[in-house]
Protein backbone atom coordinates (compact mmCIF):
# COMPACT_ATOMS: atom_id res chain seq x y z
CA MET A 1 -13.52 -29.37 7.74
CA GLU A 2 -17.12 -28.23 8.05
CA ILE A 3 -18.61 -25.52 5.89
CA ARG A 4 -18.90 -22.27 7.85
CA LYS A 5 -21.44 -19.53 7.23
CA ILE A 6 -20.37 -15.91 7.50
CA SER A 7 -23.01 -13.24 7.16
CA ALA A 8 -22.76 -10.63 4.43
CA ALA A 9 -23.34 -8.02 7.16
CA THR A 10 -20.19 -9.18 8.96
CA VAL A 11 -18.15 -8.78 5.77
CA THR A 12 -19.57 -5.29 5.24
CA ASP A 13 -18.92 -4.24 8.84
CA THR A 14 -15.34 -5.55 8.72
CA VAL A 15 -14.47 -3.81 5.44
CA ALA A 16 -15.96 -0.52 6.65
CA LYS A 17 -14.10 -0.71 9.95
CA LEU A 18 -10.74 -1.48 8.31
CA LEU A 19 -10.98 1.35 5.80
CA MET A 20 -11.96 3.92 8.41
CA GLU A 21 -9.28 2.76 10.84
CA CYS A 22 -6.50 2.76 8.25
CA ASN A 23 -7.39 6.33 7.30
CA TYR A 24 -7.48 7.52 10.92
CA GLU A 25 -4.71 5.50 12.57
CA ILE A 26 -1.26 5.00 11.08
CA GLY A 27 0.32 1.64 11.83
CA CYS A 28 2.92 1.11 14.53
CA ASP A 29 5.43 0.11 11.85
CA ILE A 30 5.21 3.56 10.26
CA SER A 31 5.08 5.41 13.60
CA ASN A 32 8.19 3.64 14.86
CA ALA A 33 9.99 4.24 11.57
CA LEU A 34 9.18 7.96 11.63
CA GLU A 35 10.54 8.30 15.16
CA ALA A 36 13.70 6.35 14.28
CA ALA A 37 14.15 8.48 11.17
CA ARG A 38 13.70 11.71 13.16
CA GLN A 39 16.49 10.71 15.52
CA LYS A 40 18.86 9.94 12.63
CA GLU A 41 17.85 12.75 10.26
CA GLU A 42 20.76 15.12 9.66
CA SER A 43 18.73 18.01 8.27
CA PRO A 44 17.11 20.35 10.84
CA VAL A 45 14.26 21.04 8.40
CA GLY A 46 13.91 17.32 7.81
CA ARG A 47 13.67 16.65 11.54
CA GLU A 48 10.97 19.31 11.85
CA VAL A 49 8.97 17.81 8.98
CA LEU A 50 9.15 14.34 10.53
CA ALA A 51 8.03 15.76 13.88
CA GLN A 52 5.08 17.45 12.18
CA LEU A 53 4.10 14.21 10.45
CA MET A 54 4.13 12.41 13.79
CA GLU A 55 2.02 15.16 15.35
CA ASN A 56 -0.41 14.99 12.43
CA ASN A 57 -0.76 11.24 12.91
CA ARG A 58 -1.36 11.68 16.63
CA ILE A 59 -4.12 14.23 16.08
CA ALA A 60 -5.76 12.09 13.39
CA LYS A 61 -5.93 9.11 15.74
CA GLU A 62 -7.18 11.06 18.74
CA GLU A 63 -9.85 12.94 16.81
CA GLN A 64 -10.65 10.09 14.38
CA ILE A 65 -10.12 12.22 11.30
CA PRO A 66 -8.23 11.37 8.09
CA ILE A 67 -4.43 11.40 8.19
CA CYS A 68 -4.48 12.98 4.71
CA GLN A 69 -7.14 14.69 2.63
CA ASP A 70 -6.56 12.14 -0.15
CA THR A 71 -8.17 9.11 1.51
CA GLY A 72 -7.37 7.06 -1.54
CA MET A 73 -8.93 4.44 -3.73
CA ALA A 74 -9.86 1.40 -1.66
CA VAL A 75 -7.63 -1.61 -2.34
CA LEU A 76 -8.31 -4.97 -0.71
CA PHE A 77 -6.38 -8.24 -0.75
CA ILE A 78 -8.66 -11.04 0.37
CA GLU A 79 -7.93 -14.67 1.21
CA TYR A 80 -11.25 -16.47 0.98
CA GLY A 81 -11.47 -19.86 2.65
CA ASP A 82 -12.83 -22.64 0.44
CA HIS A 83 -15.10 -23.81 3.28
CA VAL A 84 -16.90 -20.47 3.66
CA VAL A 85 -20.41 -19.66 2.49
CA ILE A 86 -21.76 -16.11 2.59
CA ASP A 87 -25.18 -15.92 4.22
CA GLY A 88 -27.68 -13.17 3.47
CA GLY A 89 -26.11 -11.67 0.36
CA SER A 90 -23.25 -11.91 -2.10
CA PHE A 91 -19.61 -11.47 -1.16
CA PRO A 92 -18.76 -8.84 -3.83
CA GLU A 93 -21.80 -6.76 -2.92
CA ALA A 94 -20.97 -7.02 0.79
CA VAL A 95 -17.43 -5.76 0.15
CA GLU A 96 -18.61 -2.82 -1.97
CA GLU A 97 -21.19 -1.87 0.66
CA GLY A 98 -18.40 -1.83 3.24
CA VAL A 99 -16.39 0.57 1.09
CA ARG A 100 -19.46 2.73 0.52
CA ARG A 101 -20.25 2.88 4.23
CA ALA A 102 -16.67 3.70 5.22
CA TYR A 103 -16.35 6.63 2.84
CA ARG A 104 -19.81 8.03 3.54
CA GLU A 105 -20.15 7.49 7.29
CA GLY A 106 -16.44 8.01 7.96
CA TYR A 107 -16.37 11.37 6.14
CA LEU A 108 -13.61 10.19 3.85
CA ARG A 109 -13.05 11.98 0.54
CA LYS A 110 -14.70 10.30 -2.43
CA SER A 111 -12.11 10.19 -5.20
CA VAL A 112 -13.31 7.58 -7.70
CA VAL A 113 -14.63 8.51 -11.16
CA SER A 114 -16.89 6.19 -13.14
CA ASP A 115 -14.93 6.32 -16.40
CA PRO A 116 -11.14 6.78 -16.63
CA VAL A 117 -11.04 8.90 -19.81
CA ILE A 118 -14.34 10.20 -21.22
CA ASP A 119 -16.96 10.52 -18.50
CA ARG A 120 -14.89 11.36 -15.45
CA VAL A 121 -17.87 11.68 -13.12
CA ASN A 122 -17.42 11.03 -9.41
CA THR A 123 -19.27 7.89 -8.27
CA GLY A 124 -20.10 9.64 -5.01
CA ASP A 125 -19.20 6.80 -2.65
CA ASN A 126 -15.65 5.77 -3.62
CA THR A 127 -16.82 2.54 -5.22
CA PRO A 128 -15.87 0.41 -6.97
CA ALA A 129 -12.88 -0.78 -5.00
CA VAL A 130 -9.89 -2.67 -6.40
CA VAL A 131 -10.25 -6.17 -4.99
CA TYR A 132 -7.87 -9.13 -5.32
CA THR A 133 -9.28 -12.44 -4.06
CA ASP A 134 -7.38 -15.69 -3.56
CA ILE A 135 -9.20 -18.92 -2.71
CA VAL A 136 -7.31 -20.66 0.09
CA PRO A 137 -7.91 -23.72 2.28
CA GLY A 138 -9.93 -23.05 5.43
CA ASN A 139 -13.14 -21.59 6.83
CA THR A 140 -12.13 -17.97 7.43
CA ILE A 141 -11.85 -14.81 5.35
CA SER A 142 -8.74 -12.64 5.79
CA ILE A 143 -8.88 -9.06 4.56
CA LEU A 144 -5.94 -6.69 4.07
CA ALA A 145 -7.22 -3.21 3.29
CA GLY A 146 -5.65 0.08 2.32
CA GLY A 147 -6.50 3.44 0.81
CA LYS A 148 -4.10 4.35 -2.03
CA GLY A 149 -3.63 8.04 -2.72
CA PHE A 150 -2.66 9.00 -6.23
CA GLY A 151 0.02 11.59 -5.56
CA SER A 152 2.31 8.64 -5.00
CA GLU A 153 0.46 6.16 -7.23
CA ASN A 154 1.18 8.37 -10.23
CA MET A 155 4.91 8.01 -9.58
CA SER A 156 4.82 4.22 -9.97
CA ALA A 157 6.17 2.29 -12.96
CA ILE A 158 6.54 -1.14 -14.49
CA ARG A 159 9.07 -2.50 -16.94
CA MET A 160 9.31 -5.80 -18.75
CA LEU A 161 12.98 -6.56 -18.26
CA THR A 162 14.57 -9.60 -19.86
CA PRO A 163 16.84 -11.96 -17.90
CA SER A 164 19.93 -10.44 -19.52
CA TYR A 165 19.43 -7.31 -17.37
CA GLY A 166 20.30 -9.35 -14.29
CA MET A 167 20.30 -8.08 -10.73
CA GLU A 168 21.98 -4.79 -11.64
CA GLY A 169 19.27 -4.07 -14.19
CA VAL A 170 16.59 -4.67 -11.54
CA LYS A 171 18.34 -2.32 -9.12
CA ASP A 172 18.83 0.36 -11.76
CA PHE A 173 15.14 0.36 -12.73
CA ILE A 174 13.94 0.59 -9.12
CA LEU A 175 16.37 3.38 -8.23
CA ASP A 176 15.66 5.27 -11.45
CA THR A 177 11.91 5.15 -10.76
CA VAL A 178 12.40 6.61 -7.28
CA ARG A 179 14.86 9.21 -8.59
CA LYS A 180 12.39 10.37 -11.26
CA ALA A 181 9.64 10.60 -8.64
CA GLY A 182 11.78 12.96 -6.58
CA PRO A 183 9.74 14.99 -4.07
CA ASN A 184 6.40 14.41 -5.80
CA PRO A 185 5.12 11.38 -3.81
CA CYS A 186 5.32 13.17 -0.42
CA PRO A 187 8.41 11.55 1.08
CA PRO A 188 9.36 9.78 3.20
CA ILE A 189 7.96 7.00 1.06
CA VAL A 190 7.44 3.26 1.17
CA VAL A 191 8.61 1.51 -1.98
CA GLY A 192 6.80 -1.66 -2.97
CA VAL A 193 8.52 -3.85 -5.55
CA GLY A 194 7.04 -6.79 -7.43
CA ILE A 195 9.31 -9.07 -9.44
CA GLY A 196 8.14 -11.97 -11.58
CA GLY A 197 4.91 -13.42 -12.86
CA THR A 198 3.39 -11.58 -15.81
CA PHE A 199 2.91 -7.86 -16.53
CA ASP A 200 -0.19 -7.69 -14.33
CA LYS A 201 1.10 -10.03 -11.62
CA ALA A 202 4.23 -7.93 -11.05
CA ALA A 203 2.09 -4.83 -10.51
CA GLN A 204 -0.19 -6.71 -8.11
CA LEU A 205 2.84 -7.92 -6.13
CA ALA A 206 4.21 -4.37 -5.91
CA LYS A 207 0.88 -3.08 -4.64
CA LYS A 208 0.64 -5.76 -1.97
CA ALA A 209 4.24 -5.03 -0.97
CA THR A 210 3.28 -1.46 -0.01
CA LEU A 211 0.73 -2.89 2.44
CA ARG A 212 3.27 -5.13 4.15
CA SER A 213 4.56 -3.84 7.47
CA ILE A 214 7.93 -2.18 6.93
CA ASP A 215 9.32 -3.78 10.09
CA THR A 216 9.31 -7.15 8.29
CA ARG A 217 11.75 -8.49 5.73
CA ASN A 218 11.38 -10.77 2.74
CA PRO A 219 11.77 -14.36 4.01
CA ASP A 220 14.43 -15.03 1.37
CA ARG A 221 17.63 -13.60 2.84
CA ARG A 222 18.85 -12.60 -0.63
CA TYR A 223 15.84 -10.39 -1.25
CA ALA A 224 15.95 -9.18 2.36
CA ALA A 225 19.49 -7.98 1.71
CA LEU A 226 18.32 -6.32 -1.50
CA GLU A 227 15.58 -4.49 0.44
CA GLU A 228 18.16 -3.11 2.84
CA GLU A 229 20.59 -2.13 0.07
CA LEU A 230 17.92 -0.30 -1.93
CA LEU A 231 16.67 1.54 1.15
CA GLU A 232 20.18 2.77 1.89
CA ARG A 233 20.77 3.87 -1.70
CA ILE A 234 17.41 5.64 -1.93
CA ASN A 235 18.09 7.58 1.24
CA GLU A 236 21.43 8.65 -0.21
CA MET A 237 19.53 10.50 -2.96
CA GLY A 238 18.94 13.37 -0.56
CA PHE A 239 15.33 14.31 -1.35
CA GLY A 240 14.50 14.04 2.34
CA PRO A 241 11.22 14.60 4.22
CA ALA A 242 8.68 16.52 2.10
CA GLY A 243 11.38 16.81 -0.55
CA LEU A 244 13.13 19.56 1.43
CA GLY A 245 16.43 17.75 1.75
CA GLY A 246 17.80 15.21 4.17
CA ASN A 247 18.70 11.56 4.49
CA THR A 248 15.15 10.22 4.98
CA THR A 249 13.65 9.81 1.53
CA ALA A 250 12.21 6.36 2.23
CA LEU A 251 11.08 4.54 5.36
CA GLY A 252 11.12 1.10 3.82
CA VAL A 253 11.52 -1.03 0.71
CA ASN A 254 9.39 -4.18 0.48
CA ILE A 255 9.97 -6.76 -2.24
CA GLU A 256 7.60 -9.56 -3.27
CA THR A 257 8.45 -12.16 -5.93
CA TYR A 258 6.71 -14.80 -8.03
CA PRO A 259 7.92 -17.42 -10.54
CA THR A 260 8.05 -16.15 -14.12
CA HIS A 261 8.61 -17.21 -17.73
CA ILE A 262 12.09 -18.24 -18.88
CA ALA A 263 12.17 -15.26 -21.28
CA GLY A 264 11.04 -12.57 -18.86
CA MET A 265 11.80 -10.67 -15.67
CA PRO A 266 8.95 -8.18 -15.04
CA VAL A 267 9.64 -5.56 -12.39
CA ALA A 268 7.02 -3.18 -10.97
CA VAL A 269 7.60 -0.34 -8.52
CA ASN A 270 4.63 0.98 -6.56
CA ILE A 271 5.43 4.08 -4.53
CA CYS A 272 3.45 4.96 -1.41
CA CYS A 273 3.64 8.22 0.54
CA HIS A 274 4.37 8.42 4.27
CA ALA A 275 0.64 7.83 4.93
CA ALA A 276 1.13 4.12 4.23
CA ARG A 277 -2.33 3.00 5.30
CA HIS A 278 -2.98 -0.68 5.94
CA LYS A 279 -5.17 -2.65 8.32
CA SER A 280 -6.09 -6.32 8.35
CA ALA A 281 -8.59 -8.65 9.99
CA THR A 282 -9.72 -12.26 9.84
CA ILE A 283 -13.37 -13.26 10.20
């Protein structure tokens, strides 16, 4: 396979486009799920909330304005082909410039502070982003981008379970995390679950799970069945749309797994609000 050159400008343009689009246009997976939920929702107030969310999403797309005022911290999962060379700049700088351009030119709220504890000063352009890069075979770059709001991010959790907890322990932790979150993450929510790896890998898996289309299932039928069971049990909690009651607390549960140590079973739960923003592109 020949080495392929991709310009830094192309990377920047692609990142900027994805972040603006995901903040203006909700995915078909979420739109379809909201409509299906509205038809099945038993609560009149819940049905009205779901209808309002759908109308909000329609207006945002037509007028190219943010779905939500919290346009999130930029999160990107990148698969970088090992036969790609960046021409005219560095890859990390090109990505950050794309984030900067999206949040400035797209009139998206800048929500990133330079220091997490002491000097909480806004960076002014929503950089730096959170970027995960995997080197893969090939001569393309695939980018999965999202904007993660913190009303739901703050409701997330991770726990280092041991194998003795078994499947029931995994279920209990996931359900307990959602139950404790209650109405705070702006339901209906998308629940991303990462199981396996190390402490940090489980959290990364959970984050990526929230960016997976909710009309897909885990390829392992056992975990696919677990996704469906957890979704049903979460919706039985009764928090409902906007936390006002009903049987639509979650639109989807996505689980991602990774091999882990014989002594561990890390489980992370990343909660995402109904504005589950995700767009992808390959260059």
